[in-house]
Protein backbone atom coordinates (compact mmCIF):
# COMPACT_ATOMS: atom_id res chain seq x y z
CA MET A 1 85.76 94.66 104.58
CA ARG A 2 83.86 93.85 101.39
CA LYS A 3 81.39 96.66 102.14
CA ALA A 4 84.27 99.10 102.63
CA PHE A 5 85.68 98.11 99.25
CA MET A 6 82.32 98.52 97.54
CA MET A 7 81.86 101.99 99.02
CA LEU A 8 85.32 103.18 97.99
CA ALA A 9 84.96 101.63 94.54
CA ALA A 10 81.59 103.32 94.02
CA VAL A 11 82.97 106.73 95.01
CA GLY A 12 86.01 106.21 92.78
CA THR A 13 83.87 105.15 89.82
CA LEU A 14 81.70 108.25 90.09
CA ALA A 15 84.71 110.53 90.40
CA PHE A 16 86.44 108.76 87.51
CA ALA A 17 83.40 109.14 85.28
CA GLY A 18 83.01 112.82 86.12
CA ALA A 19 86.66 113.58 85.48
CA ALA A 20 86.64 111.65 82.20
CA HIS A 21 84.23 114.23 80.73
CA ALA A 22 86.31 117.22 81.79
CA GLU A 23 88.90 118.88 79.57
CA ASP A 24 92.50 118.52 80.64
CA ALA A 25 93.54 122.04 81.66
CA GLU A 26 97.22 121.30 81.17
CA SER A 27 97.36 119.25 78.01
CA GLY A 28 101.04 118.44 77.67
CA GLY A 29 102.38 115.68 75.46
CA TRP A 30 102.91 112.01 76.08
CA SER A 31 105.81 111.20 78.39
CA LEU A 32 108.05 108.27 79.23
CA SER A 33 109.67 108.02 82.65
CA GLY A 34 111.51 105.33 84.54
CA GLU A 35 113.42 104.37 87.62
CA ILE A 36 116.03 101.85 88.67
CA GLY A 37 117.29 101.15 92.15
CA VAL A 38 118.17 98.70 94.86
CA VAL A 39 116.69 97.98 98.30
CA SER A 40 118.25 96.06 101.17
CA ASP A 41 115.05 93.97 101.42
CA TYR A 42 111.95 93.84 99.20
CA GLN A 43 109.22 94.31 101.80
CA TYR A 44 105.55 94.13 100.78
CA ARG A 45 102.67 94.54 103.21
CA GLY A 46 104.88 93.57 106.14
CA TYR A 47 106.59 90.53 104.58
CA SER A 48 109.92 90.07 102.83
CA LEU A 49 109.55 88.86 99.23
CA SER A 50 113.31 88.68 98.68
CA GLY A 51 114.20 86.35 101.55
CA SER A 52 115.52 89.29 103.65
CA ASP A 53 118.09 89.86 100.91
CA TRP A 54 118.80 92.86 98.66
CA ALA A 55 116.72 93.32 95.53
CA LEU A 56 117.30 95.13 92.26
CA GLN A 57 114.13 96.92 91.10
CA GLY A 58 113.08 99.10 88.18
CA GLY A 59 110.23 100.20 85.98
CA LEU A 60 109.01 102.27 83.04
CA THR A 61 105.82 104.35 82.79
CA VAL A 62 104.13 105.79 79.70
CA SER A 63 101.77 108.67 80.56
CA ALA A 64 99.15 110.40 78.42
CA PRO A 65 98.05 114.06 78.77
CA SER A 66 94.64 112.99 80.11
CA GLY A 67 96.20 111.17 83.07
CA PHE A 68 96.06 107.64 81.70
CA TYR A 69 99.22 105.61 82.19
CA ALA A 70 100.75 102.16 81.71
CA THR A 71 103.60 100.81 83.83
CA VAL A 72 105.86 97.79 83.79
CA TRP A 73 107.84 97.16 86.99
CA SER A 74 110.09 94.33 88.12
CA SER A 75 111.96 93.20 91.21
CA LYS A 76 114.27 90.38 92.20
CA ILE A 77 112.49 88.00 94.62
CA GLU A 78 113.15 84.83 96.55
CA GLU A 79 112.35 81.83 94.33
CA TYR A 80 108.57 81.51 94.28
CA GLY A 81 105.98 79.19 92.78
CA ILE A 82 108.31 76.21 92.38
CA GLY A 83 106.66 73.71 90.04
CA SER A 84 107.08 70.05 89.27
CA ASP A 85 110.20 70.86 87.24
CA GLY A 86 111.90 72.17 90.38
CA ASP A 87 112.08 75.75 89.08
CA GLY A 88 110.26 78.83 90.27
CA ALA A 89 110.14 82.55 89.61
CA LYS A 90 113.17 84.59 90.61
CA PHE A 91 111.70 87.90 89.42
CA GLU A 92 108.32 89.55 89.83
CA VAL A 93 107.04 91.45 86.80
CA ASP A 94 104.01 93.72 87.30
CA LEU A 95 101.91 95.36 84.59
CA SER A 96 99.49 98.16 85.50
CA PHE A 97 97.07 100.36 83.60
CA GLY A 98 95.28 103.29 85.22
CA ARG A 99 94.43 106.95 85.41
CA THR A 100 95.26 109.78 87.77
CA PHE A 101 92.94 112.76 88.05
CA SER A 102 91.54 115.35 90.45
CA ALA A 103 87.91 115.44 91.55
CA GLY A 104 86.04 116.56 94.65
CA GLY A 105 89.12 118.26 96.10
CA LEU A 106 91.07 114.98 96.03
CA ASP A 107 93.79 113.49 93.84
CA TRP A 108 92.70 110.04 92.62
CA ASP A 109 94.56 107.06 91.20
CA ALA A 110 92.49 104.16 89.82
CA SER A 111 94.22 101.20 88.18
CA TYR A 112 94.32 97.51 87.31
CA GLN A 113 97.47 95.56 88.12
CA TYR A 114 98.72 92.14 87.05
CA TYR A 115 101.36 90.47 89.23
CA GLY A 116 103.40 88.10 87.08
CA TYR A 117 106.03 85.55 88.14
CA PRO A 118 107.88 84.16 85.10
CA ASP A 119 108.66 80.44 85.57
CA GLY A 120 106.43 80.39 88.66
CA SER A 121 103.72 77.75 88.76
CA ASN A 122 100.12 78.98 89.25
CA VAL A 123 100.97 82.09 91.28
CA ALA A 124 100.14 85.07 89.00
CA TYR A 125 97.09 87.14 89.98
CA SER A 126 95.33 90.48 89.38
CA GLU A 127 94.13 93.37 91.54
CA PHE A 128 92.12 96.56 91.23
CA LEU A 129 93.56 99.58 93.06
CA LEU A 130 91.97 102.86 94.10
CA SER A 131 93.48 105.65 96.21
CA ALA A 132 92.58 109.23 97.12
CA SER A 133 95.03 111.83 98.42
CA ARG A 134 94.80 115.36 99.72
CA THR A 135 97.64 117.78 100.38
CA THR A 136 97.42 120.53 102.98
CA GLY A 137 100.58 122.56 103.28
CA ALA A 138 103.48 120.17 103.77
CA PHE A 139 101.26 117.20 104.70
CA THR A 140 99.71 114.71 102.27
CA ALA A 141 97.22 112.09 103.47
CA THR A 142 96.29 109.06 101.39
CA VAL A 143 93.64 106.38 101.81
CA GLY A 144 93.42 103.41 99.47
CA VAL A 145 92.03 99.97 98.77
CA GLU A 146 93.55 97.12 96.75
CA TYR A 147 91.08 94.37 95.84
CA ALA A 148 91.91 91.02 94.27
CA PRO A 149 88.74 89.28 93.09
CA SER A 150 88.38 85.52 93.48
CA GLN A 151 90.65 83.71 91.01
CA ASP A 152 92.14 80.23 90.58
CA ASN A 153 95.65 81.18 91.75
CA LEU A 154 94.22 82.63 94.98
CA GLY A 155 92.41 79.42 95.84
CA ASN A 156 89.15 80.92 94.54
CA GLU A 157 89.15 83.49 97.36
CA ASP A 158 89.22 87.26 97.11
CA ASN A 159 91.51 89.57 99.07
CA VAL A 160 91.09 93.11 100.42
CA TYR A 161 93.90 95.41 101.53
CA LEU A 162 92.99 98.79 103.06
CA TYR A 163 95.63 101.35 103.98
CA LEU A 164 96.07 104.86 105.37
CA GLY A 165 99.27 106.79 104.83
CA GLY A 166 100.79 110.19 105.43
CA ASP A 167 103.78 112.15 104.15
CA PHE A 168 105.19 115.27 105.84
CA ALA A 169 107.68 117.22 103.73
CA PRO A 170 108.37 120.82 104.87
CA GLU A 171 110.58 122.71 102.40
CA SER A 172 112.91 123.72 105.23
CA TRP A 173 113.54 120.09 106.27
CA PRO A 174 116.44 118.10 104.80
CA VAL A 175 114.26 114.93 104.77
CA SER A 176 110.59 114.03 104.60
CA LEU A 177 108.71 111.74 106.99
CA ASN A 178 106.27 109.08 105.89
CA ALA A 179 104.14 106.43 107.56
CA GLN A 180 101.50 103.88 106.58
CA ILE A 181 99.26 101.33 108.27
CA GLY A 182 97.39 98.61 106.40
CA HIS A 183 94.81 95.90 107.08
CA GLU A 184 94.55 92.77 104.92
CA ASP A 185 91.95 90.02 104.89
CA GLY A 186 91.23 87.20 102.45
CA ALA A 187 93.36 84.88 100.36
CA PHE A 188 96.69 86.27 101.64
CA ALA A 189 95.90 87.01 105.27
CA ASP A 190 93.38 86.67 108.08
CA GLY A 191 92.88 90.16 109.48
CA LYS A 192 96.57 91.06 109.33
CA LEU A 193 97.89 94.50 110.27
CA ASP A 194 101.14 95.92 108.85
CA TRP A 195 102.82 99.26 109.34
CA GLN A 196 105.87 101.24 108.34
CA VAL A 197 107.51 104.56 109.17
CA GLY A 198 110.41 106.09 107.33
CA LEU A 199 112.56 108.94 106.07
CA ALA A 200 113.18 109.99 102.48
CA LYS A 201 115.46 112.45 100.73
CA SER A 202 115.86 113.46 97.09
CA VAL A 203 119.12 114.72 95.62
CA GLY A 204 118.39 115.62 92.02
CA PRO A 205 117.18 112.46 90.27
CA VAL A 206 118.37 110.24 93.14
CA SER A 207 116.03 109.28 95.99
CA LEU A 208 117.26 107.82 99.28
CA SER A 209 114.97 106.06 101.74
CA LEU A 210 115.17 104.42 105.13
CA LEU A 211 112.17 102.83 106.81
CA TYR A 212 111.12 100.42 109.52
CA THR A 213 108.40 97.96 108.59
CA ASP A 214 106.62 95.21 110.51
CA SER A 215 103.46 93.13 110.65
CA ASP A 216 101.48 91.04 113.14
CA GLY A 217 101.09 88.27 110.53
CA PRO A 218 102.47 84.78 111.22
CA GLY A 219 106.14 84.45 110.36
CA ALA A 220 106.63 88.16 109.70
CA GLU A 221 109.94 89.69 110.76
CA GLY A 222 110.16 93.45 111.13
CA GLY A 223 113.27 95.31 110.15
CA VAL A 224 114.96 98.38 108.74
CA VAL A 225 115.06 98.71 104.94
CA GLY A 226 117.29 101.07 103.02
CA GLY A 227 116.95 101.99 99.37
CA ILE A 228 118.40 104.14 96.61
CA THR A 229 116.59 104.91 93.34
CA LEU A 230 117.58 106.81 90.20
CA ALA A 231 114.74 108.40 88.23
CA PHE A 232 115.09 109.18 84.51
């Protein structure tokens, strides 16, 4: 797993460096975008982080013409990281900084992400993310790695999550199909597999989704998750 991460990271670094020296062909201005929505269950890598309950979610992204971006995103969660005072985090707040670009016939996304849990005790951590996508007709395939280096709040262990996903969205179809399978090993799991398959539909700025997600991890409970999101 560690070797797979190192290989993907090396390829991404080379592609990132090459793209950083290229001129942006479509140099638009800076932009601010956002979304707000609700899901019937906040599922993450095959586990519910909202106690199998609904969750309000939303975020804002600032994007630069060169592809660099910064995002803040938050979700309601089940109380987590309860400390000696008896209180824990009831919201997750994530901060990410990255860049999207095209190189080698692929669309890349390289970023750093901080997972914060206000009022949670010793549970915040950081990850590095890298993904590559390619679209052929109505089908888009994506492969990615998310790597959390060893840190105190992970018990001084690292964690690797590898995933492969696909999205099929013919213009003549009223909905698109999507699926993903992931493998996680390290601080959060011991060779766990998770998977999901779903449907999505956009109506103007509103996106509707319905998916089934599950995992072979201990204590995981698969289920159907519905969501509605408004983009602005």
